[in-house]
PDB file of all heavy atoms in Angstrom:
ATOM      1  N   PRO A   1       0.830  -1.215   0.000  1.00  0.00           N
ATOM      2  CA  PRO A   1       0.000   0.000   0.000  1.00  0.00           C
ATOM      3  C   PRO A   1       0.862   1.262   0.000  1.00  0.00           C
ATOM      4  O   PRO A   1       1.929   1.311   0.608  1.00  0.00           O
ATOM      5  CB  PRO A   1      -0.804  -0.123   1.296  1.00  0.00           C
ATOM      6  CG  PRO A   1       0.022  -0.999   2.176  1.00  0.00           C
ATOM      7  CD  PRO A   1       0.713  -1.968   1.261  1.00  0.00           C
ATOM      8  N   VAL A   2       0.367   2.283  -0.705  1.00  0.00           N
ATOM      9  CA  VAL A   2       1.078   3.549  -0.849  1.00  0.00           C
ATOM     10  C   VAL A   2       0.116   4.694  -0.570  1.00  0.00           C
ATOM     11  O   VAL A   2      -1.057   4.641  -0.955  1.00  0.00           O
ATOM     12  CB  VAL A   2       1.663   3.699  -2.279  1.00  0.00           C
ATOM     13  CG1 VAL A   2       2.276   5.082  -2.472  1.00  0.00           C
ATOM     14  CG2 VAL A   2       2.703   2.616  -2.548  1.00  0.00           C
ATOM     15  N   VAL A   3       0.602   5.732   0.110  1.00  0.00           N
ATOM     16  CA  VAL A   3      -0.155   6.970   0.258  1.00  0.00           C
ATOM     17  C   VAL A   3       0.642   8.088  -0.412  1.00  0.00           C
ATOM     18  O   VAL A   3       1.847   8.206  -0.216  1.00  0.00           O
ATOM     19  CB  VAL A   3      -0.442   7.324   1.736  1.00  0.00           C
ATOM     20  CG1 VAL A   3      -1.396   6.330   2.355  1.00  0.00           C
ATOM     21  CG2 VAL A   3       0.836   7.404   2.548  1.00  0.00           C
ATOM     22  N   ARG A   4      -0.050   8.875  -1.221  1.00  0.00           N
ATOM     23  CA  ARG A   4       0.606   9.951  -1.949  1.00  0.00           C
ATOM     24  C   ARG A   4       0.277  11.285  -1.285  1.00  0.00           C
ATOM     25  O   ARG A   4      -0.869  11.546  -0.948  1.00  0.00           O
ATOM     26  CB  ARG A   4       0.167   9.944  -3.416  1.00  0.00           C
ATOM     27  CG  ARG A   4       0.615   8.691  -4.143  1.00  0.00           C
ATOM     28  CD  ARG A   4       0.224   8.706  -5.615  1.00  0.00           C
ATOM     29  NE  ARG A   4       0.765   7.529  -6.289  1.00  0.00           N
ATOM     30  CZ  ARG A   4       1.978   7.450  -6.804  1.00  0.00           C
ATOM     31  NH1 ARG A   4       2.792   8.502  -6.746  1.00  0.00           N
ATOM     32  NH2 ARG A   4       2.402   6.353  -7.380  1.00  0.00           N
ATOM     33  N   MET A   5       1.311  12.120  -1.143  1.00  0.00           N
ATOM     34  CA  MET A   5       1.163  13.414  -0.476  1.00  0.00           C
ATOM     35  C   MET A   5       1.935  14.481  -1.239  1.00  0.00           C
ATOM     36  O   MET A   5       2.951  14.192  -1.876  1.00  0.00           O
ATOM     37  CB  MET A   5       1.693  13.347   0.967  1.00  0.00           C
ATOM     38  CG  MET A   5       1.092  12.265   1.832  1.00  0.00           C
ATOM     39  SD  MET A   5       1.908  12.182   3.451  1.00  0.00           S
ATOM     40  CE  MET A   5       1.547  13.815   4.114  1.00  0.00           C
ATOM     41  N   HIS A   6       1.469  15.701  -1.133  1.00  0.00           N
ATOM     42  CA  HIS A   6       2.210  16.826  -1.688  1.00  0.00           C
ATOM     43  C   HIS A   6       3.495  17.022  -0.871  1.00  0.00           C
ATOM     44  O   HIS A   6       3.507  16.770   0.344  1.00  0.00           O
ATOM     45  CB  HIS A   6       1.345  18.087  -1.644  1.00  0.00           C
ATOM     46  CG  HIS A   6       1.938  19.242  -2.368  1.00  0.00           C
ATOM     47  ND1 HIS A   6       2.854  20.098  -1.780  1.00  0.00           N
ATOM     48  CD2 HIS A   6       1.751  19.688  -3.637  1.00  0.00           C
ATOM     49  CE1 HIS A   6       3.196  21.025  -2.654  1.00  0.00           C
ATOM     50  NE2 HIS A   6       2.550  20.810  -3.790  1.00  0.00           N
ATOM     51  N   PRO A   7       4.584  17.471  -1.490  1.00  0.00           N
ATOM     52  CA  PRO A   7       5.846  17.660  -0.747  1.00  0.00           C
ATOM     53  C   PRO A   7       5.697  18.550   0.483  1.00  0.00           C
ATOM     54  O   PRO A   7       6.317  18.278   1.521  1.00  0.00           O
ATOM     55  CB  PRO A   7       6.761  18.304  -1.796  1.00  0.00           C
ATOM     56  CG  PRO A   7       6.230  17.844  -3.105  1.00  0.00           C
ATOM     57  CD  PRO A   7       4.748  17.737  -2.942  1.00  0.00           C
ATOM     58  N   ASP A   8       4.889  19.604   0.394  1.00  0.00           N
ATOM     59  CA  ASP A   8       4.713  20.487   1.553  1.00  0.00           C
ATOM     60  C   ASP A   8       4.071  19.751   2.718  1.00  0.00           C
ATOM     61  O   ASP A   8       4.462  19.933   3.884  1.00  0.00           O
ATOM     62  CB  ASP A   8       3.860  21.705   1.169  1.00  0.00           C
ATOM     63  CG  ASP A   8       4.559  22.610   0.169  1.00  0.00           C
ATOM     64  OD1 ASP A   8       5.771  22.421  -0.064  1.00  0.00           O
ATOM     65  OD2 ASP A   8       3.872  23.491  -0.396  1.00  0.00           O
ATOM     66  N   ASP A   9       3.075  18.909   2.419  1.00  0.00           N
ATOM     67  CA  ASP A   9       2.395  18.165   3.490  1.00  0.00           C
ATOM     68  C   ASP A   9       3.312  17.102   4.082  1.00  0.00           C
ATOM     69  O   ASP A   9       3.291  16.850   5.290  1.00  0.00           O
ATOM     70  CB  ASP A   9       1.115  17.514   2.951  1.00  0.00           C
ATOM     71  CG  ASP A   9       0.033  18.528   2.630  1.00  0.00           C
ATOM     72  OD1 ASP A   9      -0.016  19.569   3.311  1.00  0.00           O
ATOM     73  OD2 ASP A   9      -0.763  18.276   1.707  1.00  0.00           O
ATOM     74  N   ALA A  10       4.102  16.457   3.231  1.00  0.00           N
ATOM     75  CA  ALA A  10       5.033  15.448   3.730  1.00  0.00           C
ATOM     76  C   ALA A  10       6.056  16.096   4.659  1.00  0.00           C
ATOM     77  O   ALA A  10       6.384  15.549   5.729  1.00  0.00           O
ATOM     78  CB  ALA A  10       5.725  14.757   2.565  1.00  0.00           C
ATOM     79  N   HIS A  11       6.561  17.260   4.268  1.00  0.00           N
ATOM     80  CA  HIS A  11       7.524  17.966   5.116  1.00  0.00           C
ATOM     81  C   HIS A  11       6.896  18.352   6.448  1.00  0.00           C
ATOM     82  O   HIS A  11       7.504  18.174   7.517  1.00  0.00           O
ATOM     83  CB  HIS A  11       8.034  19.208   4.386  1.00  0.00           C
ATOM     84  CG  HIS A  11       8.987  20.032   5.203  1.00  0.00           C
ATOM     85  ND1 HIS A  11      10.293  19.659   5.438  1.00  0.00           N
ATOM     86  CD2 HIS A  11       8.799  21.230   5.862  1.00  0.00           C
ATOM     87  CE1 HIS A  11      10.882  20.562   6.199  1.00  0.00           C
ATOM     88  NE2 HIS A  11      10.005  21.529   6.463  1.00  0.00           N
ATOM     89  N   ALA A  12       5.663  18.868   6.402  1.00  0.00           N
ATOM     90  CA  ALA A  12       4.985  19.274   7.639  1.00  0.00           C
ATOM     91  C   ALA A  12       4.714  18.084   8.547  1.00  0.00           C
ATOM     92  O   ALA A  12       4.739  18.207   9.783  1.00  0.00           O
ATOM     93  CB  ALA A  12       3.680  19.996   7.294  1.00  0.00           C
ATOM     94  N   ALA A  13       4.456  16.911   7.960  1.00  0.00           N
ATOM     95  CA  ALA A  13       4.175  15.713   8.754  1.00  0.00           C
ATOM     96  C   ALA A  13       5.440  15.021   9.218  1.00  0.00           C
ATOM     97  O   ALA A  13       5.377  14.081  10.023  1.00  0.00           O
ATOM     98  CB  ALA A  13       3.328  14.737   7.936  1.00  0.00           C
ATOM     99  N   GLY A  14       6.600  15.453   8.702  1.00  0.00           N
ATOM    100  CA  GLY A  14       7.855  14.845   9.112  1.00  0.00           C
ATOM    101  C   GLY A  14       8.108  13.487   8.499  1.00  0.00           C
ATOM    102  O   GLY A  14       8.776  12.643   9.100  1.00  0.00           O
ATOM    103  N   VAL A  15       7.599  13.256   7.274  1.00  0.00           N
ATOM    104  CA  VAL A  15       7.820  11.988   6.592  1.00  0.00           C
ATOM    105  C   VAL A  15       8.500  12.269   5.253  1.00  0.00           C
ATOM    106  O   VAL A  15       8.392  13.360   4.701  1.00  0.00           O
ATOM    107  CB  VAL A  15       6.498  11.226   6.363  1.00  0.00           C
ATOM    108  CG1 VAL A  15       5.880  10.818   7.686  1.00  0.00           C
ATOM    109  CG2 VAL A  15       5.507  12.062   5.554  1.00  0.00           C
ATOM    110  N   THR A  16       9.200  11.274   4.749  1.00  0.00           N
ATOM    111  CA  THR A  16       9.941  11.434   3.496  1.00  0.00           C
ATOM    112  C   THR A  16       9.512  10.379   2.489  1.00  0.00           C
ATOM    113  O   THR A  16       8.896   9.362   2.842  1.00  0.00           O
ATOM    114  CB  THR A  16      11.455  11.320   3.742  1.00  0.00           C
ATOM    115  OG1 THR A  16      11.734  10.021   4.329  1.00  0.00           O
ATOM    116  CG2 THR A  16      11.933  12.400   4.686  1.00  0.00           C
ATOM    117  N   ASP A  17       9.878  10.620   1.255  1.00  0.00           N
ATOM    118  CA  ASP A  17       9.520   9.699   0.172  1.00  0.00           C
ATOM    119  C   ASP A  17      10.109   8.318   0.432  1.00  0.00           C
ATOM    120  O   ASP A  17      11.289   8.171   0.749  1.00  0.00           O
ATOM    121  CB  ASP A  17      10.039  10.246  -1.160  1.00  0.00           C
ATOM    122  CG  ASP A  17       9.544   9.444  -2.336  1.00  0.00           C
ATOM    123  OD1 ASP A  17       8.345   9.514  -2.649  1.00  0.00           O
ATOM    124  OD2 ASP A  17      10.369   8.730  -2.947  1.00  0.00           O
ATOM    125  N   GLY A  18       9.271   7.279   0.323  1.00  0.00           N
ATOM    126  CA  GLY A  18       9.715   5.914   0.543  1.00  0.00           C
ATOM    127  C   GLY A  18       9.676   5.461   1.980  1.00  0.00           C
ATOM    128  O   GLY A  18       9.951   4.288   2.274  1.00  0.00           O
ATOM    129  N   GLU A  19       9.323   6.360   2.896  1.00  0.00           N
ATOM    130  CA  GLU A  19       9.270   6.023   4.315  1.00  0.00           C
ATOM    131  C   GLU A  19       7.910   5.432   4.676  1.00  0.00           C
ATOM    132  O   GLU A  19       6.886   5.782   4.091  1.00  0.00           O
ATOM    133  CB  GLU A  19       9.521   7.282   5.150  1.00  0.00           C
ATOM    134  CG  GLU A  19       9.569   7.024   6.660  1.00  0.00           C
ATOM    135  CD  GLU A  19       9.868   8.295   7.442  1.00  0.00           C
ATOM    136  OE1 GLU A  19       9.814   9.393   6.828  1.00  0.00           O
ATOM    137  OE2 GLU A  19      10.154   8.200   8.638  1.00  0.00           O
ATOM    138  N   SER A  20       7.904   4.534   5.641  1.00  0.00           N
ATOM    139  CA  SER A  20       6.660   3.966   6.136  1.00  0.00           C
ATOM    140  C   SER A  20       5.969   4.961   7.050  1.00  0.00           C
ATOM    141  O   SER A  20       6.600   5.585   7.905  1.00  0.00           O
ATOM    142  CB  SER A  20       6.926   2.665   6.899  1.00  0.00           C
ATOM    143  OG  SER A  20       5.730   2.136   7.429  1.00  0.00           O
ATOM    144  N   ALA A  21       4.657   5.144   6.848  1.00  0.00           N
ATOM    145  CA  ALA A  21       3.895   6.098   7.646  1.00  0.00           C
ATOM    146  C   ALA A  21       2.581   5.476   8.071  1.00  0.00           C
ATOM    147  O   ALA A  21       2.079   4.527   7.449  1.00  0.00           O
ATOM    148  CB  ALA A  21       3.637   7.381   6.855  1.00  0.00           C
ATOM    149  N   THR A  22       2.018   6.020   9.133  1.00  0.00           N
ATOM    150  CA  THR A  22       0.716   5.583   9.638  1.00  0.00           C
ATOM    151  C   THR A  22      -0.310   6.664   9.348  1.00  0.00           C
ATOM    152  O   THR A  22      -0.100   7.830   9.679  1.00  0.00           O
ATOM    153  CB  THR A  22       0.773   5.315  11.151  1.00  0.00           C
ATOM    154  OG1 THR A  22       1.733   4.280  11.407  1.00  0.00           O
ATOM    155  CG2 THR A  22      -0.590   4.867  11.666  1.00  0.00           C
ATOM    156  N   VAL A  23      -1.392   6.266   8.696  1.00  0.00           N
ATOM    157  CA  VAL A  23      -2.499   7.169   8.412  1.00  0.00           C
ATOM    158  C   VAL A  23      -3.623   6.833   9.386  1.00  0.00           C
ATOM    159  O   VAL A  23      -4.081   5.689   9.444  1.00  0.00           O
ATOM    160  CB  VAL A  23      -2.986   7.029   6.962  1.00  0.00           C
ATOM    161  CG1 VAL A  23      -4.105   8.032   6.668  1.00  0.00           C
ATOM    162  CG2 VAL A  23      -1.833   7.211   5.985  1.00  0.00           C
ATOM    163  N   THR A  24      -4.056   7.833  10.158  1.00  0.00           N
ATOM    164  CA  THR A  24      -5.029   7.605  11.217  1.00  0.00           C
ATOM    165  C   THR A  24      -6.259   8.478  10.999  1.00  0.00           C
ATOM    166  O   THR A  24      -6.146   9.661  10.668  1.00  0.00           O
ATOM    167  CB  THR A  24      -4.419   7.929  12.597  1.00  0.00           C
ATOM    168  OG1 THR A  24      -3.207   7.178  12.755  1.00  0.00           O
ATOM    169  CG2 THR A  24      -5.385   7.568  13.712  1.00  0.00           C
ATOM    170  N   SER A  25      -7.437   7.879  11.183  1.00  0.00           N
ATOM    171  CA  SER A  25      -8.696   8.624  11.180  1.00  0.00           C
ATOM    172  C   SER A  25      -9.395   8.379  12.508  1.00  0.00           C
ATOM    173  O   SER A  25      -8.870   7.690  13.393  1.00  0.00           O
ATOM    174  CB  SER A  25      -9.594   8.169  10.020  1.00  0.00           C
ATOM    175  OG  SER A  25     -10.160   6.895  10.295  1.00  0.00           O
ATOM    176  N   ALA A  26     -10.597   8.894  12.648  1.00  0.00           N
ATOM    177  CA  ALA A  26     -11.358   8.667  13.882  1.00  0.00           C
ATOM    178  C   ALA A  26     -11.809   7.220  14.012  1.00  0.00           C
ATOM    179  O   ALA A  26     -12.259   6.809  15.085  1.00  0.00           O
ATOM    180  CB  ALA A  26     -12.568   9.597  13.910  1.00  0.00           C
ATOM    181  N   HIS A  27     -11.686   6.424  12.933  1.00  0.00           N
ATOM    182  CA  HIS A  27     -12.228   5.071  12.932  1.00  0.00           C
ATOM    183  C   HIS A  27     -11.168   3.979  12.884  1.00  0.00           C
ATOM    184  O   HIS A  27     -11.478   2.814  13.113  1.00  0.00           O
ATOM    185  CB  HIS A  27     -13.178   4.895  11.739  1.00  0.00           C
ATOM    186  CG  HIS A  27     -14.151   6.015  11.590  1.00  0.00           C
ATOM    187  ND1 HIS A  27     -15.130   6.266  12.528  1.00  0.00           N
ATOM    188  CD2 HIS A  27     -14.293   6.968  10.633  1.00  0.00           C
ATOM    189  CE1 HIS A  27     -15.841   7.324  12.143  1.00  0.00           C
ATOM    190  NE2 HIS A  27     -15.349   7.760  11.015  1.00  0.00           N
ATOM    191  N   GLY A  28      -9.931   4.327  12.550  1.00  0.00           N
ATOM    192  CA  GLY A  28      -8.902   3.298  12.466  1.00  0.00           C
ATOM    193  C   GLY A  28      -7.632   3.848  11.851  1.00  0.00           C
ATOM    194  O   GLY A  28      -7.464   5.057  11.698  1.00  0.00           O
ATOM    195  N   ARG A  29      -6.752   2.929  11.487  1.00  0.00           N
ATOM    196  CA  ARG A  29      -5.467   3.345  10.929  1.00  0.00           C
ATOM    197  C   ARG A  29      -4.946   2.314   9.951  1.00  0.00           C
ATOM    198  O   ARG A  29      -5.321   1.135  10.014  1.00  0.00           O
ATOM    199  CB  ARG A  29      -4.446   3.576  12.033  1.00  0.00           C
ATOM    200  CG  ARG A  29      -4.087   2.316  12.833  1.00  0.00           C
ATOM    201  CD  ARG A  29      -3.115   2.645  13.944  1.00  0.00           C
ATOM    202  NE  ARG A  29      -3.661   3.664  14.846  1.00  0.00           N
ATOM    203  CZ  ARG A  29      -2.932   4.332  15.739  1.00  0.00           C
ATOM    204  NH1 ARG A  29      -1.627   4.081  15.840  1.00  0.00           N
ATOM    205  NH2 ARG A  29      -3.494   5.230  16.531  1.00  0.00           N
ATOM    206  N   ILE A  30      -4.090   2.770   9.039  1.00  0.00           N
ATOM    207  CA  ILE A  30      -3.389   1.882   8.122  1.00  0.00           C
ATOM    208  C   ILE A  30      -1.927   2.310   8.079  1.00  0.00           C
ATOM    209  O   ILE A  30      -1.588   3.448   8.413  1.00  0.00           O
ATOM    210  CB  ILE A  30      -3.974   1.922   6.693  1.00  0.00           C
ATOM    211  CG1 ILE A  30      -3.841   3.318   6.089  1.00  0.00           C
ATOM    212  CG2 ILE A  30      -5.417   1.461   6.687  1.00  0.00           C
ATOM    213  CD1 ILE A  30      -4.211   3.386   4.612  1.00  0.00           C
ATOM    214  N   THR A  31      -1.068   1.394   7.680  1.00  0.00           N
ATOM    215  CA  THR A  31       0.352   1.682   7.489  1.00  0.00           C
ATOM    216  C   THR A  31       0.673   1.530   6.012  1.00  0.00           C
ATOM    217  O   THR A  31       0.277   0.540   5.385  1.00  0.00           O
ATOM    218  CB  THR A  31       1.220   0.727   8.316  1.00  0.00           C
ATOM    219  OG1 THR A  31       0.903   0.884   9.705  1.00  0.00           O
ATOM    220  CG2 THR A  31       2.692   1.028   8.107  1.00  0.00           C
ATOM    221  N   ALA A  32       1.357   2.500   5.450  1.00  0.00           N
ATOM    222  CA  ALA A  32       1.651   2.481   4.017  1.00  0.00           C
ATOM    223  C   ALA A  32       2.951   3.231   3.751  1.00  0.00           C
ATOM    224  O   ALA A  32       3.465   3.947   4.612  1.00  0.00           O
ATOM    225  CB  ALA A  32       0.508   3.106   3.226  1.00  0.00           C
ATOM    226  N   THR A  33       3.477   3.054   2.561  1.00  0.00           N
ATOM    227  CA  THR A  33       4.687   3.747   2.139  1.00  0.00           C
ATOM    228  C   THR A  33       4.327   5.111   1.559  1.00  0.00           C
ATOM    229  O   THR A  33       3.394   5.239   0.763  1.00  0.00           O
ATOM    230  CB  THR A  33       5.438   2.928   1.078  1.00  0.00           C
ATOM    231  OG1 THR A  33       5.781   1.656   1.637  1.00  0.00           O
ATOM    232  CG2 THR A  33       6.700   3.633   0.628  1.00  0.00           C
ATOM    233  N   VAL A  34       5.068   6.125   1.951  1.00  0.00           N
ATOM    234  CA  VAL A  34       4.820   7.486   1.473  1.00  0.00           C
ATOM    235  C   VAL A  34       5.405   7.656   0.072  1.00  0.00           C
ATOM    236  O   VAL A  34       6.536   7.258  -0.201  1.00  0.00           O
ATOM    237  CB  VAL A  34       5.440   8.526   2.425  1.00  0.00           C
ATOM    238  CG1 VAL A  34       5.309   9.937   1.842  1.00  0.00           C
ATOM    239  CG2 VAL A  34       4.773   8.449   3.790  1.00  0.00           C
ATOM    240  N   ALA A  35       4.600   8.241  -0.816  1.00  0.00           N
ATOM    241  CA  ALA A  35       5.079   8.644  -2.134  1.00  0.00           C
ATOM    242  C   ALA A  35       4.870  10.151  -2.242  1.00  0.00           C
ATOM    243  O   ALA A  35       3.733  10.615  -2.293  1.00  0.00           O
ATOM    244  CB  ALA A  35       4.335   7.914  -3.241  1.00  0.00           C
ATOM    245  N   VAL A  36       5.960  10.905  -2.223  1.00  0.00           N
ATOM    246  CA  VAL A  36       5.854  12.357  -2.346  1.00  0.00           C
ATOM    247  C   VAL A  36       5.541  12.683  -3.797  1.00  0.00           C
ATOM    248  O   VAL A  36       6.280  12.313  -4.705  1.00  0.00           O
ATOM    249  CB  VAL A  36       7.157  13.037  -1.888  1.00  0.00           C
ATOM    250  CG1 VAL A  36       7.089  14.541  -2.134  1.00  0.00           C
ATOM    251  CG2 VAL A  36       7.402  12.740  -0.412  1.00  0.00           C
ATOM    252  N   ASP A  37       4.420  13.382  -4.004  1.00  0.00           N
ATOM    253  CA  ASP A  37       3.906  13.587  -5.352  1.00  0.00           C
ATOM    254  C   ASP A  37       3.372  15.014  -5.485  1.00  0.00           C
ATOM    255  O   ASP A  37       2.334  15.354  -4.916  1.00  0.00           O
ATOM    256  CB  ASP A  37       2.796  12.574  -5.634  1.00  0.00           C
ATOM    257  CG  ASP A  37       2.291  12.625  -7.056  1.00  0.00           C
ATOM    258  OD1 ASP A  37       2.630  13.574  -7.785  1.00  0.00           O
ATOM    259  OD2 ASP A  37       1.541  11.711  -7.447  1.00  0.00           O
ATOM    260  N   PRO A  38       4.062  15.877  -6.236  1.00  0.00           N
ATOM    261  CA  PRO A  38       3.613  17.263  -6.364  1.00  0.00           C
ATOM    262  C   PRO A  38       2.285  17.413  -7.095  1.00  0.00           C
ATOM    263  O   PRO A  38       1.666  18.475  -7.050  1.00  0.00           O
ATOM    264  CB  PRO A  38       4.750  17.940  -7.151  1.00  0.00           C
ATOM    265  CG  PRO A  38       5.449  16.828  -7.849  1.00  0.00           C
ATOM    266  CD  PRO A  38       5.328  15.631  -6.954  1.00  0.00           C
ATOM    267  N   SER A  39       1.817  16.344  -7.771  1.00  0.00           N
ATOM    268  CA  SER A  39       0.537  16.432  -8.477  1.00  0.00           C
ATOM    269  C   SER A  39      -0.648  16.274  -7.533  1.00  0.00           C
ATOM    270  O   SER A  39      -1.786  16.549  -7.915  1.00  0.00           O
ATOM    271  CB  SER A  39       0.463  15.374  -9.582  1.00  0.00           C
ATOM    272  OG  SER A  39       0.366  14.073  -9.029  1.00  0.00           O
ATOM    273  N   VAL A  40      -0.390  15.826  -6.304  1.00  0.00           N
ATOM    274  CA  VAL A  40      -1.458  15.715  -5.308  1.00  0.00           C
ATOM    275  C   VAL A  40      -1.710  17.087  -4.697  1.00  0.00           C
ATOM    276  O   VAL A  40      -0.764  17.804  -4.347  1.00  0.00           O
ATOM    277  CB  VAL A  40      -1.084  14.697  -4.215  1.00  0.00           C
ATOM    278  CG1 VAL A  40      -2.158  14.658  -3.129  1.00  0.00           C
ATOM    279  CG2 VAL A  40      -0.902  13.311  -4.811  1.00  0.00           C
ATOM    280  N   ARG A  41      -2.935  17.437  -4.557  1.00  0.00           N
ATOM    281  CA  ARG A  41      -3.292  18.755  -4.029  1.00  0.00           C
ATOM    282  C   ARG A  41      -2.844  18.900  -2.574  1.00  0.00           C
ATOM    283  O   ARG A  41      -2.906  17.944  -1.791  1.00  0.00           O
ATOM    284  CB  ARG A  41      -4.796  18.953  -4.139  1.00  0.00           C
ATOM    285  CG  ARG A  41      -5.284  20.303  -3.659  1.00  0.00           C
ATOM    286  CD  ARG A  41      -6.760  20.460  -3.964  1.00  0.00           C
ATOM    287  NE  ARG A  41      -7.289  21.715  -3.447  1.00  0.00           N
ATOM    288  CZ  ARG A  41      -8.500  22.176  -3.708  1.00  0.00           C
ATOM    289  NH1 ARG A  41      -9.307  21.480  -4.496  1.00  0.00           N
ATOM    290  NH2 ARG A  41      -8.904  23.322  -3.203  1.00  0.00           N
ATOM    291  N   VAL A  42      -2.400  20.082  -2.210  1.00  0.00           N
ATOM    292  CA  VAL A  42      -2.031  20.355  -0.823  1.00  0.00           C
ATOM    293  C   VAL A  42      -3.246  20.100   0.074  1.00  0.00           C
ATOM    294  O   VAL A  42      -4.363  20.525  -0.220  1.00  0.00           O
ATOM    295  CB  VAL A  42      -1.548  21.809  -0.661  1.00  0.00           C
ATOM    296  CG1 VAL A  42      -1.338  22.141   0.813  1.00  0.00           C
ATOM    297  CG2 VAL A  42      -0.265  22.030  -1.448  1.00  0.00           C
ATOM    298  N   GLY A  43      -3.011  19.382   1.168  1.00  0.00           N
ATOM    299  CA  GLY A  43      -4.082  19.086   2.112  1.00  0.00           C
ATOM    300  C   GLY A  43      -4.756  17.755   1.885  1.00  0.00           C
ATOM    301  O   GLY A  43      -5.592  17.342   2.676  1.00  0.00           O
ATOM    302  N   ALA A  44      -4.382  17.044   0.794  1.00  0.00           N
ATOM    303  CA  ALA A  44      -5.005  15.762   0.466  1.00  0.00           C
ATOM    304  C   ALA A  44      -4.011  14.621   0.639  1.00  0.00           C
ATOM    305  O   ALA A  44      -2.823  14.753   0.342  1.00  0.00           O
ATOM    306  CB  ALA A  44      -5.533  15.780  -0.960  1.00  0.00           C
ATOM    307  N   VAL A  45      -4.516  13.494   1.111  1.00  0.00           N
ATOM    308  CA  VAL A  45      -3.753  12.255   1.193  1.00  0.00           C
ATOM    309  C   VAL A  45      -4.456  11.252   0.291  1.00  0.00           C
ATOM    310  O   VAL A  45      -5.622  10.927   0.503  1.00  0.00           O
ATOM    311  CB  VAL A  45      -3.693  11.719   2.640  1.00  0.00           C
ATOM    312  CG1 VAL A  45      -2.993  10.364   2.672  1.00  0.00           C
ATOM    313  CG2 VAL A  45      -2.969  12.708   3.536  1.00  0.00           C
TER     314      VAL A  45
END
Protein backbone atom coordinates (compact mmCIF):
# COMPACT_ATOMS: atom_id res chain seq x y z
CA PRO A 1 0.00 0.00 0.00
CA VAL A 2 1.08 3.55 -0.85
CA VAL A 3 -0.15 6.97 0.26
CA ARG A 4 0.61 9.95 -1.95
CA MET A 5 1.16 13.41 -0.48
CA HIS A 6 2.21 16.83 -1.69
CA PRO A 7 5.85 17.66 -0.75
CA ASP A 8 4.71 20.49 1.55
CA ASP A 9 2.40 18.17 3.49
CA ALA A 10 5.03 15.45 3.73
CA HIS A 11 7.52 17.97 5.12
CA ALA A 12 4.99 19.27 7.64
CA ALA A 13 4.18 15.71 8.75
CA GLY A 14 7.85 14.85 9.11
CA VAL A 15 7.82 11.99 6.59
CA THR A 16 9.94 11.43 3.50
CA ASP A 17 9.52 9.70 0.17
CA GLY A 18 9.71 5.91 0.54
CA GLU A 19 9.27 6.02 4.32
CA SER A 20 6.66 3.97 6.14
CA ALA A 21 3.90 6.10 7.65
CA THR A 22 0.72 5.58 9.64
CA VAL A 23 -2.50 7.17 8.41
CA THR A 24 -5.03 7.60 11.22
CA SER A 25 -8.70 8.62 11.18
CA ALA A 26 -11.36 8.67 13.88
CA HIS A 27 -12.23 5.07 12.93
CA GLY A 28 -8.90 3.30 12.47
CA ARG A 29 -5.47 3.35 10.93
CA ILE A 30 -3.39 1.88 8.12
CA THR A 31 0.35 1.68 7.49
CA ALA A 32 1.65 2.48 4.02
CA THR A 33 4.69 3.75 2.14
CA VAL A 34 4.82 7.49 1.47
CA ALA A 35 5.08 8.64 -2.13
CA VAL A 36 5.85 12.36 -2.35
CA ASP A 37 3.91 13.59 -5.35
CA PRO A 38 3.61 17.26 -6.36
CA SER A 39 0.54 16.43 -8.48
CA VAL A 40 -1.46 15.71 -5.31
CA ARG A 41 -3.29 18.76 -4.03
CA VAL A 42 -2.03 20.35 -0.82
CA GLY A 43 -4.08 19.09 2.11
CA ALA A 44 -5.00 15.76 0.47
CA VAL A 45 -3.75 12.26 1.19
